[in-house]
Amino acid sequence: MSADSFASTPEPPYFAVIFSSQRTDADPLGYYEASERMLALAPQQAGFLGIESVRGADGFGITVSYWDSEAAITAWKHHAEHTAVRKRGRLEWYEHFELRVAKVERAYAGPRADR
């Protein structure tokens, strides 16, 4: 992960949606297409602040999206295209997932990658 991979967030408080998942082997092409579409669509939503996402070779991944309010998170949850992809994920793509919503009260950064 490079320094460019980090979300650029404002001073707290703001909210983080933490999505941890274990992928199935089903339809990897469809999954990656849907994932790329969500990564393109989320930044168009009101209140979106940024996203960080990684997935290991074993299929375990973590995506953290950042939002300015709980209302913005709810609006994203109910976005029609996102709702359809979430449903497909539950049915086909995820063996297991956990979603957590947290309020970020404090944030700081360490040394830059180019040091």
Protein backbone atom coordinates (compact mmCIF):
# COMPACT_ATOMS: atom_id res chain seq x y z
CA MET A 1 0.00 0.00 0.00
CA SER A 2 1.44 3.35 -0.98
CA ALA A 3 0.81 6.73 0.63
CA ASP A 4 -1.56 7.42 -2.28
CA SER A 5 -3.72 4.50 -1.11
CA PHE A 6 -4.70 6.25 2.12
CA ALA A 7 -7.98 8.13 2.26
CA SER A 8 -7.62 11.85 2.79
CA THR A 9 -10.00 12.58 5.65
CA PRO A 10 -10.83 15.82 7.44
CA GLU A 11 -10.28 16.54 11.11
CA PRO A 12 -12.52 14.34 13.28
CA PRO A 13 -15.23 13.71 14.08
CA TYR A 14 -16.42 11.67 11.11
CA PHE A 15 -17.62 8.10 10.63
CA ALA A 16 -15.99 4.89 9.40
CA VAL A 17 -17.83 1.90 7.94
CA ILE A 18 -15.59 -1.14 8.36
CA PHE A 19 -16.49 -4.08 6.12
CA SER A 20 -14.51 -7.29 6.73
CA SER A 21 -15.26 -10.21 4.45
CA GLN A 22 -14.21 -13.67 3.39
CA ARG A 23 -14.86 -14.27 -0.31
CA THR A 24 -16.20 -17.42 -1.88
CA ASP A 25 -14.75 -18.73 -5.13
CA ALA A 26 -17.94 -17.79 -7.01
CA ASP A 27 -17.87 -15.53 -10.07
CA PRO A 28 -14.63 -13.64 -9.52
CA LEU A 29 -15.08 -11.58 -12.68
CA GLY A 30 -18.56 -10.39 -11.68
CA TYR A 31 -17.33 -9.62 -8.19
CA TYR A 32 -14.44 -7.47 -9.36
CA GLU A 33 -16.65 -5.61 -11.84
CA ALA A 34 -19.19 -4.88 -9.10
CA SER A 35 -16.43 -3.88 -6.67
CA GLU A 36 -14.92 -1.45 -9.18
CA ARG A 37 -18.35 0.02 -9.86
CA MET A 38 -18.96 0.59 -6.13
CA LEU A 39 -15.50 2.17 -5.78
CA ALA A 40 -16.47 4.57 -8.58
CA LEU A 41 -20.02 5.21 -7.33
CA ALA A 42 -19.33 5.82 -3.62
CA PRO A 43 -17.32 9.04 -4.16
CA GLN A 44 -20.31 10.52 -6.00
CA GLN A 45 -22.46 10.25 -2.85
CA ALA A 46 -23.08 13.22 -0.57
CA GLY A 47 -21.02 12.94 2.59
CA PHE A 48 -18.42 10.51 1.20
CA LEU A 49 -14.91 11.29 2.48
CA GLY A 50 -12.71 8.44 1.24
CA ILE A 51 -12.07 4.71 1.12
CA GLU A 52 -9.28 2.23 1.82
CA SER A 53 -9.55 -1.39 0.70
CA VAL A 54 -7.33 -4.48 0.66
CA ARG A 55 -7.88 -8.16 -0.09
CA GLY A 56 -5.45 -11.01 0.55
CA ALA A 57 -4.77 -13.98 -1.70
CA ASP A 58 -6.82 -16.11 0.73
CA GLY A 59 -9.94 -14.04 -0.06
CA PHE A 60 -10.06 -12.14 3.23
CA GLY A 61 -10.55 -8.41 2.77
CA ILE A 62 -11.20 -5.23 4.67
CA THR A 63 -12.74 -2.09 3.22
CA VAL A 64 -13.10 1.05 5.29
CA SER A 65 -15.20 3.87 3.91
CA TYR A 66 -15.34 7.27 5.58
CA TRP A 67 -18.43 9.49 5.80
CA ASP A 68 -19.28 12.86 7.29
CA SER A 69 -22.49 11.66 8.99
CA GLU A 70 -24.62 8.67 9.86
CA ALA A 71 -27.26 10.07 7.49
CA ALA A 72 -24.77 9.83 4.60
CA ILE A 73 -24.02 6.20 5.55
CA THR A 74 -27.73 5.39 5.58
CA ALA A 75 -28.26 7.06 2.20
CA TRP A 76 -25.41 4.96 0.72
CA LYS A 77 -26.88 1.81 2.26
CA HIS A 78 -30.19 2.53 0.55
CA HIS A 79 -28.73 3.56 -2.83
CA ALA A 80 -30.47 1.29 -5.37
CA GLU A 81 -27.35 0.03 -7.16
CA HIS A 82 -25.46 -0.51 -3.89
CA THR A 83 -28.46 -2.39 -2.46
CA ALA A 84 -28.50 -4.76 -5.47
CA VAL A 85 -24.74 -5.42 -5.17
CA ARG A 86 -25.04 -6.04 -1.42
CA LYS A 87 -27.79 -8.59 -2.06
CA ARG A 88 -25.69 -10.38 -4.66
CA GLY A 89 -22.74 -10.35 -2.28
CA ARG A 90 -24.76 -12.07 0.44
CA LEU A 91 -26.03 -14.69 -2.02
CA GLU A 92 -22.89 -15.39 -4.06
CA TRP A 93 -19.67 -13.65 -3.15
CA TYR A 94 -19.23 -13.75 0.62
CA GLU A 95 -18.72 -16.81 2.76
CA HIS A 96 -18.93 -14.50 5.78
CA PHE A 97 -18.82 -10.77 6.44
CA GLU A 98 -18.98 -8.35 9.32
CA LEU A 99 -19.85 -4.68 9.12
CA ARG A 100 -19.10 -2.15 11.81
CA VAL A 101 -19.87 1.56 11.97
CA ALA A 102 -17.66 3.71 14.18
CA LYS A 103 -17.35 7.37 14.99
CA VAL A 104 -13.77 8.56 14.56
CA GLU A 105 -12.96 10.89 17.45
CA ARG A 106 -9.19 11.09 16.98
CA ALA A 107 -6.85 10.54 14.03
CA TYR A 108 -3.18 11.06 13.35
CA ALA A 109 -0.58 9.86 10.85
CA GLY A 110 2.96 8.52 11.00
CA PRO A 111 6.02 9.01 8.84
CA ARG A 112 5.47 9.52 5.14
CA ALA A 113 6.29 6.60 2.85
CA ASP A 114 8.94 8.62 0.96
CA ARG A 115 11.12 9.23 4.06
